[in-house]
Amino acid sequence: MNRISYFLLTIAAALYLFVNGILGITNRGGDFGAMASTILGTGDFTNVIIIILSICGIAAGIFLLLALFRVDVPITDIILLVFVVLWVIFIAIVDVLRPLNNKINALVYLQQLATHLMVLGALMASTKRFGYIR
């Protein structure tokens, strides 16, 4: 993969995760709010889950940047692999289960799905197991 495209994809995914993490912590929901409310509805427990997912999103963005700038933290690859699994679960809930419960606009749905798949691709490209570039 071209180094510039890898750089841009990783920066975009890190920004996406940071922004959604901040939105979740500030009680504006974001995509992590959509995930939690799809599973749990509303309530205090849902708010706690949103905050936990938001912190995980911010951490994933940080670890993406660490992998991008080749900062060698011994557990980075394991943590990114865990985030890949979490993101696949996220896609299954938000992009598969949620549309089954709600009427969706096809173009908005495809835009959201494409964004989520790009983040998954950036997470996977940053791990040694799925395509780490050194």
Protein backbone atom coordinates (compact mmCIF):
# COMPACT_ATOMS: atom_id res chain seq x y z
CA MET A 1 0.00 0.00 0.00
CA ASN A 2 1.24 3.47 -0.79
CA ARG A 3 2.62 5.11 2.34
CA ILE A 4 0.70 8.38 1.75
CA SER A 5 -2.63 6.56 1.37
CA TYR A 6 -1.91 4.50 4.49
CA PHE A 7 -1.05 7.70 6.36
CA LEU A 8 -4.26 9.48 5.27
CA LEU A 9 -6.48 6.48 5.98
CA THR A 10 -5.02 6.04 9.45
CA ILE A 11 -5.29 9.74 10.30
CA ALA A 12 -8.92 9.79 9.10
CA ALA A 13 -9.82 6.70 11.15
CA ALA A 14 -8.08 8.09 14.25
CA LEU A 15 -9.97 11.38 13.91
CA TYR A 16 -13.24 9.51 13.45
CA LEU A 17 -12.63 7.47 16.60
CA PHE A 18 -11.53 10.56 18.59
CA VAL A 19 -14.59 12.57 17.56
CA ASN A 20 -17.04 9.76 18.30
CA GLY A 21 -15.31 9.16 21.63
CA ILE A 22 -15.64 12.82 22.58
CA LEU A 23 -19.27 12.89 21.42
CA GLY A 24 -20.01 9.84 23.54
CA ILE A 25 -18.36 11.27 26.65
CA THR A 26 -20.14 14.61 26.31
CA ASN A 27 -23.54 12.84 26.14
CA ARG A 28 -24.18 13.70 22.51
CA GLY A 29 -24.11 10.02 21.60
CA GLY A 30 -22.29 9.70 18.32
CA ASP A 31 -21.97 6.24 16.81
CA PHE A 32 -21.18 4.67 20.18
CA GLY A 33 -24.46 6.05 21.50
CA ALA A 34 -26.26 4.52 18.53
CA MET A 35 -24.68 1.15 19.27
CA ALA A 36 -25.54 1.17 22.97
CA SER A 37 -29.08 2.43 22.45
CA THR A 38 -29.69 -0.22 19.78
CA ILE A 39 -28.87 -2.97 22.27
CA LEU A 40 -30.00 -1.50 25.58
CA GLY A 41 -32.47 1.28 24.83
CA THR A 42 -32.10 4.26 27.17
CA GLY A 43 -31.11 4.63 30.80
CA ASP A 44 -28.20 5.01 33.15
CA PHE A 45 -26.60 1.68 32.25
CA THR A 46 -26.69 2.68 28.59
CA ASN A 47 -24.91 5.94 29.45
CA VAL A 48 -22.18 4.00 31.27
CA ILE A 49 -21.73 1.69 28.27
CA ILE A 50 -21.54 4.73 25.95
CA ILE A 51 -18.78 6.25 28.09
CA ILE A 52 -16.85 2.96 28.16
CA LEU A 53 -17.15 2.57 24.37
CA SER A 54 -16.14 6.21 23.93
CA ILE A 55 -13.00 5.74 26.01
CA CYS A 56 -12.21 2.63 23.96
CA GLY A 57 -12.69 4.66 20.77
CA ILE A 58 -10.31 7.37 21.95
CA ALA A 59 -7.78 4.71 22.99
CA ALA A 60 -8.10 3.02 19.59
CA GLY A 61 -7.38 6.36 17.90
CA ILE A 62 -4.29 6.81 20.05
CA PHE A 63 -3.03 3.31 19.31
CA LEU A 64 -3.66 3.84 15.59
CA LEU A 65 -1.46 6.93 15.72
CA LEU A 66 1.20 5.06 17.72
CA ALA A 67 1.27 2.34 15.07
CA LEU A 68 1.36 4.96 12.29
CA PHE A 69 4.34 6.78 13.75
CA ARG A 70 6.05 3.49 14.64
CA VAL A 71 6.12 4.11 18.36
CA ASP A 72 6.95 0.67 19.69
CA VAL A 73 4.65 -0.18 22.57
CA PRO A 74 4.79 -3.95 23.18
CA ILE A 75 1.04 -4.44 23.49
CA THR A 76 -0.05 -2.19 20.62
CA ASP A 77 -0.68 -5.06 18.21
CA ILE A 78 -2.75 -7.02 20.73
CA ILE A 79 -4.80 -3.96 21.63
CA LEU A 80 -5.41 -3.10 17.97
CA LEU A 81 -6.46 -6.69 17.33
CA VAL A 82 -8.98 -6.40 20.20
CA PHE A 83 -10.26 -3.16 18.65
CA VAL A 84 -10.65 -4.92 15.29
CA VAL A 85 -12.87 -7.52 16.96
CA LEU A 86 -14.82 -4.81 18.81
CA TRP A 87 -15.28 -2.88 15.58
CA VAL A 88 -16.62 -5.94 13.76
CA ILE A 89 -19.14 -6.36 16.60
CA PHE A 90 -19.92 -2.63 16.31
CA ILE A 91 -20.60 -3.00 12.57
CA ALA A 92 -22.80 -6.03 13.19
CA ILE A 93 -24.91 -4.13 15.72
CA VAL A 94 -25.10 -0.69 14.12
CA ASP A 95 -25.13 -1.66 10.45
CA VAL A 96 -27.04 -4.95 10.61
CA LEU A 97 -29.28 -5.06 13.70
CA ARG A 98 -30.24 -1.38 13.86
CA PRO A 99 -31.55 -1.20 10.27
CA LEU A 100 -33.71 -4.25 10.96
CA ASN A 101 -35.49 -2.34 13.74
CA ASN A 102 -35.81 1.03 11.97
CA LYS A 103 -36.78 2.24 8.53
CA ILE A 104 -33.61 3.45 6.83
CA ASN A 105 -32.65 5.71 3.97
CA ALA A 106 -30.52 3.58 1.63
CA LEU A 107 -28.01 6.31 0.75
CA VAL A 108 -27.47 7.36 4.36
CA TYR A 109 -27.10 3.70 5.32
CA LEU A 110 -24.49 3.07 2.62
CA GLN A 111 -22.58 6.21 3.62
CA GLN A 112 -22.49 5.05 7.25
CA LEU A 113 -21.51 1.50 6.29
CA ALA A 114 -18.70 2.78 4.07
CA THR A 115 -17.33 4.93 6.90
CA HIS A 116 -17.42 2.02 9.33
CA LEU A 117 -15.69 -0.27 6.83
CA MET A 118 -12.96 2.32 6.24
CA VAL A 119 -12.28 2.49 9.98
CA LEU A 120 -12.16 -1.32 10.09
CA GLY A 121 -9.71 -1.30 7.18
CA ALA A 122 -7.46 1.22 8.93
CA LEU A 123 -7.53 -0.80 12.15
CA MET A 124 -6.72 -3.99 10.26
CA ALA A 125 -3.94 -2.38 8.22
CA SER A 126 -2.31 -1.20 11.44
CA THR A 127 -1.95 -4.69 12.91
CA LYS A 128 0.81 -7.19 12.18
CA ARG A 129 -1.71 -9.98 11.70
CA PHE A 130 -3.76 -8.29 8.96
CA GLY A 131 -1.34 -6.15 7.00
CA TYR A 132 1.03 -4.15 9.12
CA ILE A 133 3.32 -1.96 7.01
CA ARG A 134 6.86 -1.40 8.23
